[in-house]
Amino acid sequence: MKTTMKKLNIKFLAMAFFMALTLQSCSEDDDPILNAPIISGFEYGIHGEEGHKAYRGKDLHLEAEITAEATVKSISVSIHSHEAEVGEGEVEWDFEQTFTDVKYLVINPTFHEHIDIPATAPAGEYHVEFVVTDELGNTTEIEGHVDILSQVAISDFEMDETVVRGNDIHAEFMIAAVNGIHNITVNIHAHGLTVGAGEEEWHFDQVYEDGFHELTEAEFHKHIDVPATAPAGEYHVQITVKDEDGNTAVYDGHIDVTK
């Protein structure tokens, strides 16, 4: 009798153990571990153009496809720079925002936003961070770099440092203007120079438009005559390039006029 009861107990324990394993297996099947979101097709910069670049005073296009097994809780975007130099009339800029719009708090959303870049933001390379977090706390991050450029830019600038009066000043540089060049103004003047016998006060102010108007890229190459009667001394040179939207790029320098 005892042997029979012992066998029954062993069978009961075996069945209980088997049922526990089965229930545990079912529980695991019912509550699978969900993976972190996957970010693909990440675009940032000027929409439809190759390379990661944008222009200050314009907007930055951001887009990404998100594959999420759990509902998305938030999407964060951060843009900042540690290298861009703040010039005259510019203000240090960075951007940070967490997006919790209803259209993003779903499974597999498509992210699409345009972020305004201030016209006063310093040009240079900026770091972009894109973070997706789901309702379970899973987080995925992707990052990159974008070049923020001026809408009007002067480069490869060359100009004489000194000129003997009666000769000419050589100036040349390259211009890049996204919206097209409107005009180029060259102003040369001095303050407080003594006008000697046989000399006449001199300043130069001219607007160049022919051959430049509406071009997005151009080379400026001019020779400016300095009268033989111009007083010797230091002159301030200011060159302003204006685009069709009124944006400008300015070069400020000096040149010594000698006898």
Protein backbone atom coordinates (compact mmCIF):
# COMPACT_ATOMS: atom_id res chain seq x y z
CA MET A 1 0.00 0.00 0.00
CA LYS A 2 2.80 2.37 0.97
CA THR A 3 4.58 1.55 -2.28
CA THR A 4 1.48 2.37 -4.27
CA MET A 5 1.03 5.72 -2.49
CA LYS A 6 4.68 6.51 -3.04
CA LYS A 7 4.31 5.88 -6.78
CA LEU A 8 1.22 8.07 -6.91
CA ASN A 9 3.08 10.91 -5.16
CA ILE A 10 5.96 10.66 -7.63
CA LYS A 11 3.54 10.76 -10.57
CA PHE A 12 1.73 13.75 -9.04
CA LEU A 13 4.98 15.65 -8.53
CA ALA A 14 6.09 14.87 -12.09
CA MET A 15 2.80 16.10 -13.50
CA ALA A 16 2.95 19.26 -11.38
CA PHE A 17 6.50 19.95 -12.55
CA PHE A 18 5.47 19.42 -16.20
CA MET A 19 2.50 21.75 -15.81
CA ALA A 20 4.70 24.43 -14.21
CA LEU A 21 7.12 24.25 -17.13
CA THR A 22 4.22 24.46 -19.59
CA LEU A 23 2.71 27.49 -17.84
CA GLN A 24 6.10 29.20 -17.69
CA SER A 25 6.61 28.57 -21.42
CA CYS A 26 3.17 29.99 -22.20
CA SER A 27 3.86 33.01 -20.03
CA GLU A 28 7.08 33.67 -21.89
CA ASP A 29 5.24 33.37 -25.19
CA ASP A 30 2.59 35.82 -24.02
CA ASP A 31 5.13 38.44 -22.86
CA PRO A 32 7.99 38.46 -25.36
CA ILE A 33 10.95 40.78 -24.88
CA LEU A 34 10.57 43.69 -27.34
CA ASN A 35 13.55 45.12 -29.16
CA ALA A 36 14.61 48.78 -29.13
CA PRO A 37 13.40 51.01 -31.99
CA ILE A 38 15.29 50.95 -35.29
CA ILE A 39 16.06 54.22 -37.10
CA SER A 40 16.53 54.13 -40.88
CA GLY A 41 16.60 56.55 -43.79
CA PHE A 42 17.88 59.37 -41.58
CA GLU A 43 18.04 62.60 -43.62
CA TYR A 44 19.19 65.99 -42.38
CA GLY A 45 20.18 69.11 -44.29
CA ILE A 46 18.76 70.61 -47.47
CA HIS A 47 15.94 68.39 -48.73
CA GLY A 48 16.78 66.73 -52.03
CA GLU A 49 20.45 67.74 -52.08
CA GLU A 50 23.46 65.52 -51.51
CA GLY A 51 25.61 66.10 -48.47
CA HIS A 52 24.65 67.32 -45.03
CA LYS A 53 24.48 71.10 -45.25
CA ALA A 54 22.05 73.91 -44.50
CA TYR A 55 22.02 77.70 -44.63
CA ARG A 56 21.54 80.14 -41.79
CA GLY A 57 18.34 82.08 -42.21
CA LYS A 58 16.78 79.00 -43.81
CA ASP A 59 15.49 75.73 -42.31
CA LEU A 60 17.04 72.34 -41.66
CA HIS A 61 15.13 69.36 -43.07
CA LEU A 62 14.99 66.31 -40.78
CA GLU A 63 13.41 62.99 -41.69
CA ALA A 64 13.65 59.37 -40.51
CA GLU A 65 11.75 56.09 -40.63
CA ILE A 66 11.27 54.46 -37.22
CA THR A 67 10.53 50.78 -36.76
CA ALA A 68 9.27 50.22 -33.20
CA GLU A 69 7.88 47.04 -31.65
CA ALA A 70 6.51 49.10 -28.75
CA THR A 71 4.75 52.46 -28.99
CA VAL A 72 7.12 55.42 -29.31
CA LYS A 73 7.14 57.65 -26.22
CA SER A 74 9.31 60.52 -27.46
CA ILE A 75 11.72 61.69 -30.17
CA SER A 76 14.49 64.13 -29.25
CA VAL A 77 16.63 66.27 -31.55
CA SER A 78 19.76 68.12 -30.46
CA ILE A 79 21.94 70.37 -32.65
CA HIS A 80 25.03 72.12 -31.31
CA SER A 81 28.56 73.17 -32.19
CA HIS A 82 31.78 73.49 -30.20
CA GLU A 83 33.85 74.84 -33.08
CA ALA A 84 31.80 77.53 -34.84
CA GLU A 85 33.34 80.94 -34.18
CA VAL A 86 30.94 83.73 -33.25
CA GLY A 87 31.63 86.73 -35.49
CA GLU A 88 30.39 90.29 -35.43
CA GLY A 89 26.59 90.43 -35.55
CA GLU A 90 26.32 86.70 -34.84
CA VAL A 91 24.82 84.92 -31.82
CA GLU A 92 25.80 81.47 -30.56
CA TRP A 93 23.06 78.99 -31.45
CA ASP A 94 22.05 75.50 -30.50
CA PHE A 95 18.77 73.60 -30.69
CA GLU A 96 17.19 71.01 -28.43
CA GLN A 97 13.60 69.78 -28.52
CA THR A 98 11.66 66.69 -27.50
CA PHE A 99 8.79 65.88 -29.85
CA THR A 100 5.73 64.22 -28.30
CA ASP A 101 3.21 64.98 -31.05
CA VAL A 102 0.38 62.46 -31.30
CA LYS A 103 1.48 61.52 -34.84
CA TYR A 104 4.81 60.26 -33.43
CA LEU A 105 3.45 58.37 -30.38
CA VAL A 106 2.60 55.26 -32.38
CA ILE A 107 4.30 52.12 -33.66
CA ASN A 108 6.49 52.71 -36.74
CA PRO A 109 6.11 56.48 -37.16
CA THR A 110 7.78 58.61 -39.85
CA PHE A 111 9.55 61.66 -38.42
CA HIS A 112 9.52 64.81 -40.58
CA GLU A 113 10.30 68.31 -39.31
CA HIS A 114 11.88 71.56 -40.51
CA ILE A 115 13.95 73.46 -37.94
CA ASP A 116 14.55 77.17 -38.45
CA ILE A 117 18.19 78.29 -38.35
CA PRO A 118 18.62 81.93 -37.26
CA ALA A 119 20.30 84.26 -39.76
CA THR A 120 22.65 85.22 -36.91
CA ALA A 121 23.85 81.66 -36.24
CA PRO A 122 27.62 81.29 -36.74
CA ALA A 123 28.58 79.29 -39.81
CA GLY A 124 30.44 76.04 -39.22
CA GLU A 125 30.07 72.35 -38.45
CA TYR A 126 27.29 71.30 -36.07
CA HIS A 127 26.68 67.97 -34.32
CA VAL A 128 23.21 66.42 -34.77
CA GLU A 129 21.78 63.86 -32.30
CA PHE A 130 18.49 62.01 -32.93
CA VAL A 131 17.08 59.87 -30.09
CA VAL A 132 13.97 57.65 -30.08
CA THR A 133 12.55 56.25 -26.82
CA ASP A 134 9.65 53.76 -26.60
CA GLU A 135 7.10 53.17 -23.83
CA LEU A 136 9.22 50.35 -22.36
CA GLY A 137 12.21 52.67 -21.94
CA ASN A 138 14.19 51.26 -24.86
CA THR A 139 16.28 53.98 -26.51
CA THR A 140 18.03 54.19 -29.87
CA GLU A 141 20.31 57.07 -30.89
CA ILE A 142 21.82 58.09 -34.22
CA GLU A 143 24.11 61.04 -34.84
CA GLY A 144 25.94 62.95 -37.55
CA HIS A 145 27.29 66.35 -38.58
CA VAL A 146 25.85 69.16 -40.70
CA ASP A 147 27.63 72.17 -42.19
CA ILE A 148 25.70 75.39 -41.65
CA LEU A 149 26.73 77.87 -44.33
CA SER A 150 26.17 81.55 -45.07
CA GLN A 151 23.71 82.31 -47.86
CA VAL A 152 26.31 84.73 -49.20
CA ALA A 153 30.00 83.97 -48.84
CA ILE A 154 33.27 85.60 -49.87
CA SER A 155 36.32 83.37 -50.22
CA ASP A 156 39.88 83.34 -51.59
CA PHE A 157 40.18 87.08 -50.98
CA GLU A 158 43.24 88.88 -52.34
CA MET A 159 43.94 92.62 -52.25
CA ASP A 160 47.06 94.79 -52.26
CA GLU A 161 48.22 95.90 -48.82
CA THR A 162 49.87 99.05 -50.17
CA VAL A 163 49.59 101.11 -53.34
CA VAL A 164 51.55 104.07 -54.65
CA ARG A 165 49.14 106.87 -55.53
CA GLY A 166 48.73 107.22 -59.25
CA ASN A 167 48.59 103.44 -59.56
CA ASP A 168 45.74 100.97 -59.07
CA ILE A 169 44.50 98.65 -56.32
CA HIS A 170 44.13 95.01 -57.32
CA ALA A 171 41.26 93.13 -55.62
CA GLU A 172 39.83 89.71 -56.37
CA PHE A 173 37.73 87.09 -54.59
CA MET A 174 35.15 84.37 -55.15
CA ILE A 175 31.45 84.79 -54.37
CA ALA A 176 28.87 82.11 -53.58
CA ALA A 177 25.26 83.29 -53.26
CA VAL A 178 22.48 80.71 -52.90
CA ASN A 179 19.77 83.18 -53.93
CA GLY A 180 21.79 84.91 -56.65
CA ILE A 181 23.94 88.04 -56.49
CA HIS A 182 22.12 91.38 -56.50
CA ASN A 183 25.17 93.66 -56.47
CA ILE A 184 28.66 94.29 -55.09
CA THR A 185 29.57 97.58 -53.43
CA VAL A 186 33.18 98.74 -52.95
CA ASN A 187 33.83 101.65 -50.61
CA ILE A 188 37.28 103.09 -49.88
CA HIS A 189 37.67 106.10 -47.61
CA ALA A 190 39.92 107.69 -45.01
CA HIS A 191 39.33 109.82 -41.92
CA GLY A 192 41.54 112.57 -40.60
CA LEU A 193 44.19 112.60 -43.33
CA THR A 194 45.86 115.95 -43.89
CA VAL A 195 45.33 117.25 -47.41
CA GLY A 196 48.64 118.78 -48.53
CA ALA A 197 49.44 121.20 -51.30
CA GLY A 198 48.45 119.85 -54.70
CA GLU A 199 46.40 117.04 -53.09
CA GLU A 200 42.65 116.42 -53.12
CA GLU A 201 40.61 114.45 -50.65
CA TRP A 202 39.77 111.08 -52.21
CA HIS A 203 37.25 108.34 -51.58
CA PHE A 204 35.88 105.63 -53.82
CA ASP A 205 32.31 104.31 -53.82
CA GLN A 206 30.99 102.14 -56.64
CA VAL A 207 28.28 99.53 -57.14
CA TYR A 208 28.97 96.62 -59.51
CA GLU A 209 26.01 94.77 -60.97
CA ASP A 210 26.68 94.05 -64.65
CA GLY A 211 28.13 90.60 -65.10
CA PHE A 212 27.17 89.56 -61.55
CA HIS A 213 23.40 90.04 -61.24
CA GLU A 214 21.52 86.79 -60.36
CA LEU A 215 24.63 84.59 -60.60
CA THR A 216 25.00 82.08 -57.76
CA GLU A 217 28.79 81.84 -58.24
CA ALA A 218 31.13 84.48 -59.60
CA GLU A 219 34.69 85.79 -59.50
CA PHE A 220 35.22 89.45 -58.70
CA HIS A 221 38.44 90.81 -60.24
CA LYS A 222 38.90 94.57 -60.48
CA HIS A 223 41.63 97.21 -60.60
CA ILE A 224 40.72 100.48 -58.90
CA ASP A 225 42.67 103.61 -59.86
CA VAL A 226 44.06 105.76 -57.06
CA PRO A 227 44.49 109.42 -58.13
CA ALA A 228 48.01 110.84 -58.00
CA THR A 229 46.56 113.68 -55.91
CA ALA A 230 45.16 111.40 -53.16
CA PRO A 231 46.60 112.15 -49.71
CA ALA A 232 48.94 109.42 -48.45
CA GLY A 233 47.86 107.39 -45.44
CA GLU A 234 45.70 104.51 -44.30
CA TYR A 235 42.35 103.93 -46.01
CA HIS A 236 39.46 101.73 -44.90
CA VAL A 237 38.17 99.27 -47.49
CA GLN A 238 34.69 97.80 -47.21
CA ILE A 239 33.29 95.39 -49.80
CA THR A 240 29.67 94.28 -49.50
CA VAL A 241 28.05 91.52 -51.53
CA LYS A 242 24.22 91.53 -51.42
CA ASP A 243 22.01 88.71 -52.67
CA GLU A 244 18.51 88.89 -54.15
CA ASP A 245 16.93 88.35 -50.71
CA GLY A 246 18.89 91.16 -49.07
CA ASN A 247 21.43 88.94 -47.28
CA THR A 248 24.96 90.30 -47.25
CA ALA A 249 28.57 89.28 -46.83
CA VAL A 250 31.02 92.01 -45.86
CA TYR A 251 34.79 92.27 -46.06
CA ASP A 252 36.47 94.97 -43.96
CA GLY A 253 40.14 95.79 -44.42
CA HIS A 254 42.72 98.52 -44.84
CA ILE A 255 45.19 99.64 -47.48
CA ASP A 256 48.09 102.09 -47.23
CA VAL A 257 48.34 104.70 -49.97
CA THR A 258 51.92 105.94 -50.29
CA LYS A 259 53.65 108.75 -52.19
